[in-house]
Amino acid sequence: MEKQRFLITCGEVSAFHIPRWHELPEFDLYMDQVIALAEKYLSVLSADGKGLLTPSMINNYVKSGVLPPPKNKKYNRTHLAILMIVCITKPVMEISAISDVIHRGIEADNIENVLNGLAKTFENELSAAAKIAEETVKTAETEEILSFIAIENVMKANAARTVAMHAYHAIKKDEPEEAKSEKADKKAEKKKAKADTSESEE
């Protein structure tokens, strides 16, 4: 029975679709509407039926700079896109790191392409994992295979998380050197400008 139920879930997960930028509402929304919409879009992420977002979470995201402040208590497509990315990534990454990565992506490109690219990647990875699990269940003789699938995917998830965090921290480690280099360049420019001024006065 459990195997059959899981196979149905695998089919639903394989077909999971994250709305792209052009599919998001073009009109502004109140907080409760944003939460309801995000929960609907990402329902597959909640295996136990628990909510993914709360008003206090959203308020904290605004205070910490993850989200831009709402206008007249209303949220737009950018808010919704960032919230969806946060919901997908927060089980494996700290919120501060997620915020940093999202804003780096937006600075390098734009929120539309960031959302669309990440949505496609997540859908592909999720579908591939679900299909492997589905084939494993179909060839297994006992219900115990579900425990194996659970722990196997935990190991894979933690391995991917480890690589992700090392990649992120590599970026952060390079930043002090870059900042130091920029500071030295500015100092040299200032010194040169001062020298040029002295020469012109002579």
C-alpha atoms as a PDB file:
ATOM      1  CA  MET A   1       0.000   0.000   0.000  1.00  0.00           C
ATOM      2  CA  GLU A   2       2.771   2.431   0.967  1.00  0.00           C
ATOM      3  CA  LYS A   3       4.639   1.606  -2.241  1.00  0.00           C
ATOM      4  CA  GLN A   4       1.590   2.358  -4.382  1.00  0.00           C
ATOM      5  CA  ARG A   5       1.005   5.641  -2.592  1.00  0.00           C
ATOM      6  CA  PHE A   6       4.644   6.588  -3.064  1.00  0.00           C
ATOM      7  CA  LEU A   7       4.501   5.732  -6.779  1.00  0.00           C
ATOM      8  CA  ILE A   8       1.564   8.115  -7.192  1.00  0.00           C
ATOM      9  CA  THR A   9       3.563  10.815  -5.398  1.00  0.00           C
ATOM     10  CA  CYS A  10       6.570  10.179  -7.657  1.00  0.00           C
ATOM     11  CA  GLY A  11       4.362  10.780 -10.683  1.00  0.00           C
ATOM     12  CA  GLU A  12       3.126  14.070  -9.222  1.00  0.00           C
ATOM     13  CA  VAL A  13       6.658  15.149  -8.321  1.00  0.00           C
ATOM     14  CA  SER A  14       7.959  14.296 -11.808  1.00  0.00           C
ATOM     15  CA  ALA A  15       5.289  16.531 -13.352  1.00  0.00           C
ATOM     16  CA  PHE A  16       5.875  19.400 -10.886  1.00  0.00           C
ATOM     17  CA  HIS A  17       6.031  22.826 -12.539  1.00  0.00           C
ATOM     18  CA  ILE A  18       7.279  26.058 -11.016  1.00  0.00           C
ATOM     19  CA  PRO A  19       5.615  29.118 -12.570  1.00  0.00           C
ATOM     20  CA  ARG A  20       7.964  31.169 -14.695  1.00  0.00           C
ATOM     21  CA  TRP A  21       8.149  34.955 -14.517  1.00  0.00           C
ATOM     22  CA  HIS A  22       5.509  35.519 -17.217  1.00  0.00           C
ATOM     23  CA  GLU A  23       3.106  33.224 -15.337  1.00  0.00           C
ATOM     24  CA  LEU A  24       3.194  35.256 -12.121  1.00  0.00           C
ATOM     25  CA  PRO A  25       0.452  37.837 -11.438  1.00  0.00           C
ATOM     26  CA  GLU A  26       1.225  41.262 -12.882  1.00  0.00           C
ATOM     27  CA  PHE A  27      -0.847  42.997 -10.197  1.00  0.00           C
ATOM     28  CA  ASP A  28       0.267  43.629  -6.612  1.00  0.00           C
ATOM     29  CA  LEU A  29      -0.838  41.353  -3.780  1.00  0.00           C
ATOM     30  CA  TYR A  30      -1.396  41.604  -0.040  1.00  0.00           C
ATOM     31  CA  MET A  31       0.688  39.398   2.240  1.00  0.00           C
ATOM     32  CA  ASP A  32      -1.992  36.733   2.777  1.00  0.00           C
ATOM     33  CA  GLN A  33      -2.455  36.462  -1.000  1.00  0.00           C
ATOM     34  CA  VAL A  34       1.296  36.102  -1.535  1.00  0.00           C
ATOM     35  CA  ILE A  35       1.481  33.327   1.058  1.00  0.00           C
ATOM     36  CA  ALA A  36      -1.518  31.490  -0.413  1.00  0.00           C
ATOM     37  CA  LEU A  37      -0.099  31.718  -3.939  1.00  0.00           C
ATOM     38  CA  ALA A  38       3.414  30.603  -2.952  1.00  0.00           C
ATOM     39  CA  GLU A  39       1.958  27.655  -0.995  1.00  0.00           C
ATOM     40  CA  LYS A  40      -0.120  26.676  -4.031  1.00  0.00           C
ATOM     41  CA  TYR A  41       2.788  26.943  -6.464  1.00  0.00           C
ATOM     42  CA  LEU A  42       5.156  24.962  -4.216  1.00  0.00           C
ATOM     43  CA  SER A  43       2.754  22.488  -2.606  1.00  0.00           C
ATOM     44  CA  VAL A  44       4.930  19.529  -3.614  1.00  0.00           C
ATOM     45  CA  LEU A  45       7.693  20.780  -1.277  1.00  0.00           C
ATOM     46  CA  SER A  46       5.558  20.119   1.794  1.00  0.00           C
ATOM     47  CA  ALA A  47       5.354  16.333   2.183  1.00  0.00           C
ATOM     48  CA  ASP A  48       3.836  16.677   5.669  1.00  0.00           C
ATOM     49  CA  GLY A  49       1.348  19.399   4.717  1.00  0.00           C
ATOM     50  CA  LYS A  50       3.013  22.071   6.856  1.00  0.00           C
ATOM     51  CA  GLY A  51       3.047  25.649   5.578  1.00  0.00           C
ATOM     52  CA  LEU A  52       6.130  27.014   3.860  1.00  0.00           C
ATOM     53  CA  LEU A  53       5.641  30.675   4.775  1.00  0.00           C
ATOM     54  CA  THR A  54       4.229  32.770   7.612  1.00  0.00           C
ATOM     55  CA  PRO A  55       3.677  36.546   7.953  1.00  0.00           C
ATOM     56  CA  SER A  56       6.506  36.763  10.500  1.00  0.00           C
ATOM     57  CA  MET A  57       8.893  35.028   8.083  1.00  0.00           C
ATOM     58  CA  ILE A  58       8.092  37.531   5.342  1.00  0.00           C
ATOM     59  CA  ASN A  59       8.488  40.470   7.754  1.00  0.00           C
ATOM     60  CA  ASN A  60      11.885  39.104   8.822  1.00  0.00           C
ATOM     61  CA  TYR A  61      12.949  38.691   5.185  1.00  0.00           C
ATOM     62  CA  VAL A  62      12.109  42.358   4.584  1.00  0.00           C
ATOM     63  CA  LYS A  63      13.961  43.492   7.729  1.00  0.00           C
ATOM     64  CA  SER A  64      17.064  41.467   6.841  1.00  0.00           C
ATOM     65  CA  GLY A  65      17.121  42.677   3.235  1.00  0.00           C
ATOM     66  CA  VAL A  66      16.207  39.371   1.593  1.00  0.00           C
ATOM     67  CA  LEU A  67      13.077  41.057   0.215  1.00  0.00           C
ATOM     68  CA  PRO A  68      12.683  44.694  -0.836  1.00  0.00           C
ATOM     69  CA  PRO A  69      10.108  46.571   1.287  1.00  0.00           C
ATOM     70  CA  PRO A  70       6.488  46.267   0.084  1.00  0.00           C
ATOM     71  CA  LYS A  71       4.727  49.327  -1.340  1.00  0.00           C
ATOM     72  CA  ASN A  72       1.588  50.271   0.585  1.00  0.00           C
ATOM     73  CA  LYS A  73       1.635  46.800   2.175  1.00  0.00           C
ATOM     74  CA  LYS A  74       1.490  45.189  -1.276  1.00  0.00           C
ATOM     75  CA  TYR A  75       3.923  42.766  -2.892  1.00  0.00           C
ATOM     76  CA  ASN A  76       4.785  42.435  -6.586  1.00  0.00           C
ATOM     77  CA  ARG A  77       6.197  39.760  -8.900  1.00  0.00           C
ATOM     78  CA  THR A  78       9.740  40.355  -7.692  1.00  0.00           C
ATOM     79  CA  HIS A  79       8.697  39.638  -4.099  1.00  0.00           C
ATOM     80  CA  LEU A  80       6.883  36.460  -5.137  1.00  0.00           C
ATOM     81  CA  ALA A  81       9.799  35.248  -7.274  1.00  0.00           C
ATOM     82  CA  ILE A  82      12.321  35.765  -4.452  1.00  0.00           C
ATOM     83  CA  LEU A  83      10.023  34.072  -1.928  1.00  0.00           C
ATOM     84  CA  MET A  84       9.678  31.013  -4.165  1.00  0.00           C
ATOM     85  CA  ILE A  85      13.453  30.754  -4.543  1.00  0.00           C
ATOM     86  CA  VAL A  86      13.865  31.111  -0.767  1.00  0.00           C
ATOM     87  CA  CYS A  87      11.306  28.361  -0.075  1.00  0.00           C
ATOM     88  CA  ILE A  88      13.075  25.988  -2.475  1.00  0.00           C
ATOM     89  CA  THR A  89      16.575  26.650  -1.162  1.00  0.00           C
ATOM     90  CA  LYS A  90      16.194  27.295   2.578  1.00  0.00           C
ATOM     91  CA  PRO A  91      16.167  23.591   3.598  1.00  0.00           C
ATOM     92  CA  VAL A  92      19.785  23.310   2.396  1.00  0.00           C
ATOM     93  CA  MET A  93      21.238  26.815   2.741  1.00  0.00           C
ATOM     94  CA  GLU A  94      21.283  29.604   5.319  1.00  0.00           C
ATOM     95  CA  ILE A  95      18.943  32.509   4.606  1.00  0.00           C
ATOM     96  CA  SER A  96      21.815  35.024   4.587  1.00  0.00           C
ATOM     97  CA  ALA A  97      23.657  32.952   1.967  1.00  0.00           C
ATOM     98  CA  ILE A  98      20.484  32.505  -0.105  1.00  0.00           C
ATOM     99  CA  SER A  99      19.871  36.256  -0.034  1.00  0.00           C
ATOM    100  CA  ASP A 100      23.448  36.968  -1.088  1.00  0.00           C
ATOM    101  CA  VAL A 101      23.327  34.473  -3.977  1.00  0.00           C
ATOM    102  CA  ILE A 102      19.942  35.761  -5.209  1.00  0.00           C
ATOM    103  CA  HIS A 103      21.089  39.380  -5.185  1.00  0.00           C
ATOM    104  CA  ARG A 104      24.345  38.482  -6.931  1.00  0.00           C
ATOM    105  CA  GLY A 105      22.263  36.805  -9.634  1.00  0.00           C
ATOM    106  CA  ILE A 106      19.978  39.826  -9.980  1.00  0.00           C
ATOM    107  CA  GLU A 107      22.968  42.197 -10.202  1.00  0.00           C
ATOM    108  CA  ALA A 108      24.576  40.029 -12.908  1.00  0.00           C
ATOM    109  CA  ASP A 109      21.337  39.554 -14.860  1.00  0.00           C
ATOM    110  CA  ASN A 110      17.730  40.160 -13.718  1.00  0.00           C
ATOM    111  CA  ILE A 111      15.151  38.534 -11.473  1.00  0.00           C
ATOM    112  CA  GLU A 112      13.191  37.162 -14.443  1.00  0.00           C
ATOM    113  CA  ASN A 113      16.118  35.115 -15.760  1.00  0.00           C
ATOM    114  CA  VAL A 114      17.235  34.119 -12.256  1.00  0.00           C
ATOM    115  CA  LEU A 115      13.793  32.692 -11.435  1.00  0.00           C
ATOM    116  CA  ASN A 116      13.342  30.982 -14.803  1.00  0.00           C
ATOM    117  CA  GLY A 117      16.816  29.425 -14.744  1.00  0.00           C
ATOM    118  CA  LEU A 118      16.587  28.143 -11.162  1.00  0.00           C
ATOM    119  CA  ALA A 119      13.040  26.857 -11.712  1.00  0.00           C
ATOM    120  CA  LYS A 120      14.131  24.810 -14.717  1.00  0.00           C
ATOM    121  CA  THR A 121      17.147  23.394 -12.861  1.00  0.00           C
ATOM    122  CA  PHE A 122      15.074  22.408  -9.830  1.00  0.00           C
ATOM    123  CA  GLU A 123      12.349  20.800 -11.945  1.00  0.00           C
ATOM    124  CA  ASN A 124      14.914  18.731 -13.848  1.00  0.00           C
ATOM    125  CA  GLU A 125      16.715  17.571 -10.697  1.00  0.00           C
ATOM    126  CA  LEU A 126      13.471  16.789  -8.890  1.00  0.00           C
ATOM    127  CA  SER A 127      12.039  14.872 -11.836  1.00  0.00           C
ATOM    128  CA  ALA A 128      15.237  12.845 -12.264  1.00  0.00           C
ATOM    129  CA  ALA A 129      15.324  11.916  -8.558  1.00  0.00           C
ATOM    130  CA  ALA A 130      11.628  10.958  -8.572  1.00  0.00           C
ATOM    131  CA  LYS A 131      12.024   8.747 -11.646  1.00  0.00           C
ATOM    132  CA  ILE A 132      15.006   6.896 -10.152  1.00  0.00           C
ATOM    133  CA  ALA A 133      13.035   6.327  -6.942  1.00  0.00           C
ATOM    134  CA  GLU A 134      10.021   5.170  -8.957  1.00  0.00           C
ATOM    135  CA  GLU A 135      12.054   2.555 -10.850  1.00  0.00           C
ATOM    136  CA  THR A 136      13.655   1.359  -7.607  1.00  0.00           C
ATOM    137  CA  VAL A 137      10.249   0.861  -5.970  1.00  0.00           C
ATOM    138  CA  LYS A 138       8.831  -0.984  -8.968  1.00  0.00           C
ATOM    139  CA  THR A 139      11.581  -3.616  -8.843  1.00  0.00           C
ATOM    140  CA  ALA A 140      11.560  -4.027  -5.048  1.00  0.00           C
ATOM    141  CA  GLU A 141       9.679  -6.816  -3.300  1.00  0.00           C
ATOM    142  CA  THR A 142       9.161  -5.248   0.132  1.00  0.00           C
ATOM    143  CA  GLU A 143       7.988  -1.957   1.609  1.00  0.00           C
ATOM    144  CA  GLU A 144      11.394  -1.556   3.284  1.00  0.00           C
ATOM    145  CA  ILE A 145      12.707  -0.128   0.037  1.00  0.00           C
ATOM    146  CA  LEU A 146      11.095   3.190   1.003  1.00  0.00           C
ATOM    147  CA  SER A 147      13.450   3.510   3.991  1.00  0.00           C
ATOM    148  CA  PHE A 148      16.400   2.892   1.691  1.00  0.00           C
ATOM    149  CA  ILE A 149      15.163   5.527  -0.785  1.00  0.00           C
ATOM    150  CA  ALA A 150      14.706   8.030   2.056  1.00  0.00           C
ATOM    151  CA  ILE A 151      18.225   7.619   3.486  1.00  0.00           C
ATOM    152  CA  GLU A 152      19.838   7.388   0.039  1.00  0.00           C
ATOM    153  CA  ASN A 153      18.323  10.719  -0.987  1.00  0.00           C
ATOM    154  CA  VAL A 154      19.314  12.297   2.324  1.00  0.00           C
ATOM    155  CA  MET A 155      22.924  11.321   1.561  1.00  0.00           C
ATOM    156  CA  LYS A 156      22.681  12.744  -1.969  1.00  0.00           C
ATOM    157  CA  ALA A 157      21.095  15.945  -0.680  1.00  0.00           C
ATOM    158  CA  ASN A 158      23.789  16.451   1.949  1.00  0.00           C
ATOM    159  CA  ALA A 159      26.528  15.753  -0.597  1.00  0.00           C
ATOM    160  CA  ALA A 160      25.048  18.407  -2.911  1.00  0.00           C
ATOM    161  CA  ARG A 161      24.662  20.801   0.036  1.00  0.00           C
ATOM    162  CA  THR A 162      28.326  20.325   0.978  1.00  0.00           C
ATOM    163  CA  VAL A 163      29.468  21.200  -2.544  1.00  0.00           C
ATOM    164  CA  ALA A 164      27.103  24.195  -2.623  1.00  0.00           C
ATOM    165  CA  MET A 165      28.374  25.620   0.659  1.00  0.00           C
ATOM    166  CA  HIS A 166      32.040  25.144  -0.314  1.00  0.00           C
ATOM    167  CA  ALA A 167      31.338  26.959  -3.596  1.00  0.00           C
ATOM    168  CA  TYR A 168      29.634  29.812  -1.744  1.00  0.00           C
ATOM    169  CA  HIS A 169      32.359  30.140   0.891  1.00  0.00           C
ATOM    170  CA  ALA A 170      34.996  30.166  -1.867  1.00  0.00           C
ATOM    171  CA  ILE A 171      33.289  33.288  -3.236  1.00  0.00           C
ATOM    172  CA  LYS A 172      33.206  34.881   0.217  1.00  0.00           C
ATOM    173  CA  LYS A 173      36.905  34.124   0.864  1.00  0.00           C
ATOM    174  CA  ASP A 174      37.902  35.866  -2.358  1.00  0.00           C
ATOM    175  CA  GLU A 175      36.022  39.036  -1.435  1.00  0.00           C
ATOM    176  CA  PRO A 176      38.474  40.378   1.208  1.00  0.00           C
ATOM    177  CA  GLU A 177      41.325  40.124  -1.332  1.00  0.00           C
ATOM    178  CA  GLU A 178      39.240  41.895  -3.973  1.00  0.00           C
ATOM    179  CA  ALA A 179      38.274  44.597  -1.483  1.00  0.00           C
ATOM    180  CA  LYS A 180      41.936  45.007  -0.488  1.00  0.00           C
ATOM    181  CA  SER A 181      42.933  45.313  -4.157  1.00  0.00           C
ATOM    182  CA  GLU A 182      40.212  47.908  -4.814  1.00  0.00           C
ATOM    183  CA  LYS A 183      41.338  49.878  -1.759  1.00  0.00           C
ATOM    184  CA  ALA A 184      44.953  49.843  -2.997  1.00  0.00           C
ATOM    185  CA  ASP A 185      43.846  51.000  -6.452  1.00  0.00           C
ATOM    186  CA  LYS A 186      41.851  53.878  -4.979  1.00  0.00           C
ATOM    187  CA  LYS A 187      44.811  54.858  -2.791  1.00  0.00           C
ATOM    188  CA  ALA A 188      47.116  54.859  -5.835  1.00  0.00           C
ATOM    189  CA  GLU A 189      44.631  56.959  -7.814  1.00  0.00           C
ATOM    190  CA  LYS A 190      44.348  59.441  -4.951  1.00  0.00           C
ATOM    191  CA  LYS A 191      48.144  59.661  -4.666  1.00  0.00           C
ATOM    192  CA  LYS A 192      48.477  60.197  -8.427  1.00  0.00           C
ATOM    193  CA  ALA A 193      45.783  62.886  -8.416  1.00  0.00           C
ATOM    194  CA  LYS A 194      47.585  64.665  -5.572  1.00  0.00           C
ATOM    195  CA  ALA A 195      50.879  64.502  -7.466  1.00  0.00           C
ATOM    196  CA  ASP A 196      49.242  65.850 -10.621  1.00  0.00           C
ATOM    197  CA  THR A 197      47.760  68.732  -8.636  1.00  0.00           C
ATOM    198  CA  SER A 198      51.159  69.587  -7.138  1.00  0.00           C
ATOM    199  CA  GLU A 199      52.804  69.590 -10.572  1.00  0.00           C
ATOM    200  CA  SER A 200      50.158  71.888 -12.032  1.00  0.00           C
ATOM    201  CA  GLU A 201      50.593  74.329  -9.149  1.00  0.00           C
ATOM    202  CA  GLU A 202      54.323  74.508  -9.832  1.00  0.00           C
END
